[in-house]
């Protein structure tokens, strides 16, 4: 790239601030770390963890095969999806991994999560209400 084009490009990027994918990286990174460490466990059910960086994640038991991410064999023994509870993506989607076709999440657990996680994101609550079972 020619130098005279490179400098204005850098200035524009610096002026834009940290937005989009770069701003969302810490949340995704925390979620990926928890999901990766959970792959080798056989634990099931719902679990909430507050991480040292302030993020709160929740495991929900999935039903069927994972729809994305590693599948089969040793790579994926866990049946749980991890959800970032106190942040959503800039496109208003919930940060979670992996996805399953359906979940074993009692709606009463959603009520408990709302009461116990004071900084839960409103988009996440709406998502949990769409996947919970009565």
C-alpha atoms as a PDB file:
ATOM      1  CA  UNK A   1       0.000   0.000   0.000  1.00  0.00           C
ATOM      2  CA  UNK A   2       1.325   3.451  -0.843  1.00  0.00           C
ATOM      3  CA  UNK A   3       2.414   5.519   2.158  1.00  0.00           C
ATOM      4  CA  UNK A   4       0.129   8.465   1.316  1.00  0.00           C
ATOM      5  CA  UNK A   5      -2.894   6.122   1.494  1.00  0.00           C
ATOM      6  CA  UNK A   6      -1.698   4.252   4.574  1.00  0.00           C
ATOM      7  CA  UNK A   7      -1.544   7.252   6.942  1.00  0.00           C
ATOM      8  CA  UNK A   8      -5.129   8.486   6.323  1.00  0.00           C
ATOM      9  CA  UNK A   9      -6.374   4.912   6.721  1.00  0.00           C
ATOM     10  CA  UNK A  10      -4.668   4.610  10.119  1.00  0.00           C
ATOM     11  CA  UNK A  11      -6.067   7.967  11.191  1.00  0.00           C
ATOM     12  CA  UNK A  12      -9.583   6.924  10.207  1.00  0.00           C
ATOM     13  CA  UNK A  13      -9.281   3.663  12.105  1.00  0.00           C
ATOM     14  CA  UNK A  14      -7.954   5.395  15.198  1.00  0.00           C
ATOM     15  CA  UNK A  15     -10.758   7.955  15.100  1.00  0.00           C
ATOM     16  CA  UNK A  16     -13.398   5.257  14.841  1.00  0.00           C
ATOM     17  CA  UNK A  17     -12.606   3.958  18.318  1.00  0.00           C
ATOM     18  CA  UNK A  18     -12.927   0.369  19.412  1.00  0.00           C
ATOM     19  CA  UNK A  19     -16.213  -0.847  17.974  1.00  0.00           C
ATOM     20  CA  UNK A  20     -17.606  -3.915  16.234  1.00  0.00           C
ATOM     21  CA  UNK A  21     -15.678  -7.166  16.397  1.00  0.00           C
ATOM     22  CA  UNK A  22     -12.708  -5.721  18.271  1.00  0.00           C
ATOM     23  CA  UNK A  23     -14.902  -4.338  21.054  1.00  0.00           C
ATOM     24  CA  UNK A  24     -16.656  -7.700  21.365  1.00  0.00           C
ATOM     25  CA  UNK A  25     -13.467  -9.766  21.547  1.00  0.00           C
ATOM     26  CA  UNK A  26     -13.126  -9.909  25.368  1.00  0.00           C
ATOM     27  CA  UNK A  27     -16.635 -11.367  25.788  1.00  0.00           C
ATOM     28  CA  UNK A  28     -16.194 -13.911  23.010  1.00  0.00           C
ATOM     29  CA  UNK A  29     -12.778 -14.838  24.335  1.00  0.00           C
ATOM     30  CA  UNK A  30     -14.117 -15.470  27.852  1.00  0.00           C
ATOM     31  CA  UNK A  31     -16.973 -17.546  26.448  1.00  0.00           C
ATOM     32  CA  UNK A  32     -14.661 -19.596  24.226  1.00  0.00           C
ATOM     33  CA  UNK A  33     -12.330 -20.306  27.140  1.00  0.00           C
ATOM     34  CA  UNK A  34     -15.131 -21.641  29.338  1.00  0.00           C
ATOM     35  CA  UNK A  35     -16.658 -23.674  26.527  1.00  0.00           C
ATOM     36  CA  UNK A  36     -13.290 -25.158  25.579  1.00  0.00           C
ATOM     37  CA  UNK A  37     -12.445 -26.180  29.150  1.00  0.00           C
ATOM     38  CA  UNK A  38     -15.898 -27.743  29.551  1.00  0.00           C
ATOM     39  CA  UNK A  39     -15.643 -29.982  26.475  1.00  0.00           C
ATOM     40  CA  UNK A  40     -13.967 -32.840  28.300  1.00  0.00           C
ATOM     41  CA  UNK A  41     -16.397 -32.907  31.234  1.00  0.00           C
ATOM     42  CA  UNK A  42     -19.490 -35.048  31.389  1.00  0.00           C
ATOM     43  CA  UNK A  43     -21.357 -32.585  33.607  1.00  0.00           C
ATOM     44  CA  UNK A  44     -24.861 -31.692  32.503  1.00  0.00           C
ATOM     45  CA  UNK A  45     -27.547 -29.293  33.611  1.00  0.00           C
ATOM     46  CA  UNK A  46     -27.578 -25.596  34.319  1.00  0.00           C
ATOM     47  CA  UNK A  47     -24.607 -23.839  35.900  1.00  0.00           C
ATOM     48  CA  UNK A  48     -23.685 -20.182  36.385  1.00  0.00           C
ATOM     49  CA  UNK A  49     -20.101 -18.915  36.722  1.00  0.00           C
ATOM     50  CA  UNK A  50     -18.868 -15.392  37.375  1.00  0.00           C
ATOM     51  CA  UNK A  51     -15.434 -15.149  35.776  1.00  0.00           C
ATOM     52  CA  UNK A  52     -12.518 -13.147  37.142  1.00  0.00           C
ATOM     53  CA  UNK A  53     -12.856 -10.593  34.314  1.00  0.00           C
ATOM     54  CA  UNK A  54     -16.447  -9.748  35.346  1.00  0.00           C
ATOM     55  CA  UNK A  55     -18.250 -11.779  32.703  1.00  0.00           C
ATOM     56  CA  UNK A  56     -21.019 -14.094  33.830  1.00  0.00           C
ATOM     57  CA  UNK A  57     -21.654 -17.281  31.860  1.00  0.00           C
ATOM     58  CA  UNK A  58     -24.312 -19.932  32.123  1.00  0.00           C
ATOM     59  CA  UNK A  59     -24.312 -23.525  30.926  1.00  0.00           C
ATOM     60  CA  UNK A  60     -27.554 -24.967  29.581  1.00  0.00           C
ATOM     61  CA  UNK A  61     -27.939 -28.618  28.670  1.00  0.00           C
ATOM     62  CA  UNK A  62     -28.475 -29.066  24.933  1.00  0.00           C
ATOM     63  CA  UNK A  63     -30.525 -31.782  23.254  1.00  0.00           C
ATOM     64  CA  UNK A  64     -29.397 -33.539  20.105  1.00  0.00           C
ATOM     65  CA  UNK A  65     -26.196 -32.788  18.244  1.00  0.00           C
ATOM     66  CA  UNK A  66     -24.385 -29.473  18.379  1.00  0.00           C
ATOM     67  CA  UNK A  67     -25.297 -27.409  15.320  1.00  0.00           C
ATOM     68  CA  UNK A  68     -21.929 -25.659  15.106  1.00  0.00           C
ATOM     69  CA  UNK A  69     -18.406 -26.058  16.400  1.00  0.00           C
ATOM     70  CA  UNK A  70     -16.496 -29.292  16.942  1.00  0.00           C
ATOM     71  CA  UNK A  71     -18.583 -32.434  16.956  1.00  0.00           C
ATOM     72  CA  UNK A  72     -18.198 -36.101  17.728  1.00  0.00           C
ATOM     73  CA  UNK A  73     -15.602 -38.165  19.544  1.00  0.00           C
ATOM     74  CA  UNK A  74     -13.259 -36.779  22.152  1.00  0.00           C
ATOM     75  CA  UNK A  75     -13.536 -33.231  20.780  1.00  0.00           C
ATOM     76  CA  UNK A  76     -17.087 -32.832  22.078  1.00  0.00           C
ATOM     77  CA  UNK A  77     -18.310 -34.865  25.003  1.00  0.00           C
ATOM     78  CA  UNK A  78     -20.131 -32.057  26.784  1.00  0.00           C
ATOM     79  CA  UNK A  79     -23.793 -31.572  26.008  1.00  0.00           C
ATOM     80  CA  UNK A  80     -23.819 -27.999  27.245  1.00  0.00           C
ATOM     81  CA  UNK A  81     -24.175 -24.663  25.545  1.00  0.00           C
ATOM     82  CA  UNK A  82     -22.505 -21.694  27.225  1.00  0.00           C
ATOM     83  CA  UNK A  83     -24.193 -18.276  27.161  1.00  0.00           C
ATOM     84  CA  UNK A  84     -22.648 -14.934  28.056  1.00  0.00           C
ATOM     85  CA  UNK A  85     -25.228 -13.436  30.425  1.00  0.00           C
ATOM     86  CA  UNK A  86     -24.110  -9.845  30.870  1.00  0.00           C
ATOM     87  CA  UNK A  87     -23.288  -8.804  27.299  1.00  0.00           C
ATOM     88  CA  UNK A  88     -24.754  -9.239  23.821  1.00  0.00           C
ATOM     89  CA  UNK A  89     -23.240  -8.787  20.361  1.00  0.00           C
ATOM     90  CA  UNK A  90     -23.489  -5.494  18.474  1.00  0.00           C
ATOM     91  CA  UNK A  91     -26.004  -7.115  16.108  1.00  0.00           C
ATOM     92  CA  UNK A  92     -28.245  -7.687  19.161  1.00  0.00           C
ATOM     93  CA  UNK A  93     -27.598 -11.422  19.117  1.00  0.00           C
ATOM     94  CA  UNK A  94     -26.807 -13.408  22.226  1.00  0.00           C
ATOM     95  CA  UNK A  95     -23.218 -14.630  22.544  1.00  0.00           C
ATOM     96  CA  UNK A  96     -23.367 -18.399  22.949  1.00  0.00           C
ATOM     97  CA  UNK A  97     -21.653 -21.591  21.856  1.00  0.00           C
ATOM     98  CA  UNK A  98     -22.322 -24.157  20.597  1.00  0.00           C
ATOM     99  CA  UNK A  99     -25.917 -24.074  19.382  1.00  0.00           C
ATOM    100  CA  UNK A 100     -28.261 -27.017  19.746  1.00  0.00           C
ATOM    101  CA  UNK A 101     -31.678 -27.662  18.213  1.00  0.00           C
ATOM    102  CA  UNK A 102     -33.320 -27.525  21.658  1.00  0.00           C
ATOM    103  CA  UNK A 103     -32.422 -27.252  25.332  1.00  0.00           C
ATOM    104  CA  UNK A 104     -33.285 -28.645  28.769  1.00  0.00           C
ATOM    105  CA  UNK A 105     -33.793 -25.294  30.479  1.00  0.00           C
ATOM    106  CA  UNK A 106     -36.740 -25.060  32.883  1.00  0.00           C
ATOM    107  CA  UNK A 107     -38.392 -21.633  32.807  1.00  0.00           C
ATOM    108  CA  UNK A 108     -38.097 -21.562  36.608  1.00  0.00           C
ATOM    109  CA  UNK A 109     -34.296 -21.560  36.144  1.00  0.00           C
ATOM    110  CA  UNK A 110     -34.616 -18.416  34.008  1.00  0.00           C
ATOM    111  CA  UNK A 111     -36.481 -16.730  36.876  1.00  0.00           C
ATOM    112  CA  UNK A 112     -33.693 -17.767  39.273  1.00  0.00           C
ATOM    113  CA  UNK A 113     -30.995 -16.449  36.920  1.00  0.00           C
ATOM    114  CA  UNK A 114     -32.752 -13.097  36.611  1.00  0.00           C
ATOM    115  CA  UNK A 115     -32.872 -12.784  40.398  1.00  0.00           C
ATOM    116  CA  UNK A 116     -29.282 -13.879  40.991  1.00  0.00           C
ATOM    117  CA  UNK A 117     -27.433 -12.061  38.170  1.00  0.00           C
ATOM    118  CA  UNK A 118     -27.977  -8.350  38.732  1.00  0.00           C
ATOM    119  CA  UNK A 119     -26.173  -7.300  35.529  1.00  0.00           C
ATOM    120  CA  UNK A 120     -27.928  -9.748  33.176  1.00  0.00           C
ATOM    121  CA  UNK A 121     -28.467  -8.378  29.669  1.00  0.00           C
ATOM    122  CA  UNK A 122     -32.087  -7.828  28.540  1.00  0.00           C
ATOM    123  CA  UNK A 123     -31.441  -9.512  25.161  1.00  0.00           C
ATOM    124  CA  UNK A 124     -30.172 -12.586  26.980  1.00  0.00           C
ATOM    125  CA  UNK A 125     -33.290 -12.763  29.169  1.00  0.00           C
ATOM    126  CA  UNK A 126     -35.519 -12.626  26.076  1.00  0.00           C
ATOM    127  CA  UNK A 127     -33.461 -15.391  24.442  1.00  0.00           C
ATOM    128  CA  UNK A 128     -33.640 -17.599  27.536  1.00  0.00           C
ATOM    129  CA  UNK A 129     -37.427 -17.156  27.603  1.00  0.00           C
ATOM    130  CA  UNK A 130     -37.626 -18.398  23.986  1.00  0.00           C
ATOM    131  CA  UNK A 131     -35.705 -21.622  24.700  1.00  0.00           C
ATOM    132  CA  UNK A 132     -36.978 -22.530  28.174  1.00  0.00           C
ATOM    133  CA  UNK A 133     -39.480 -25.312  28.795  1.00  0.00           C
ATOM    134  CA  UNK A 134     -42.412 -25.132  31.238  1.00  0.00           C
END
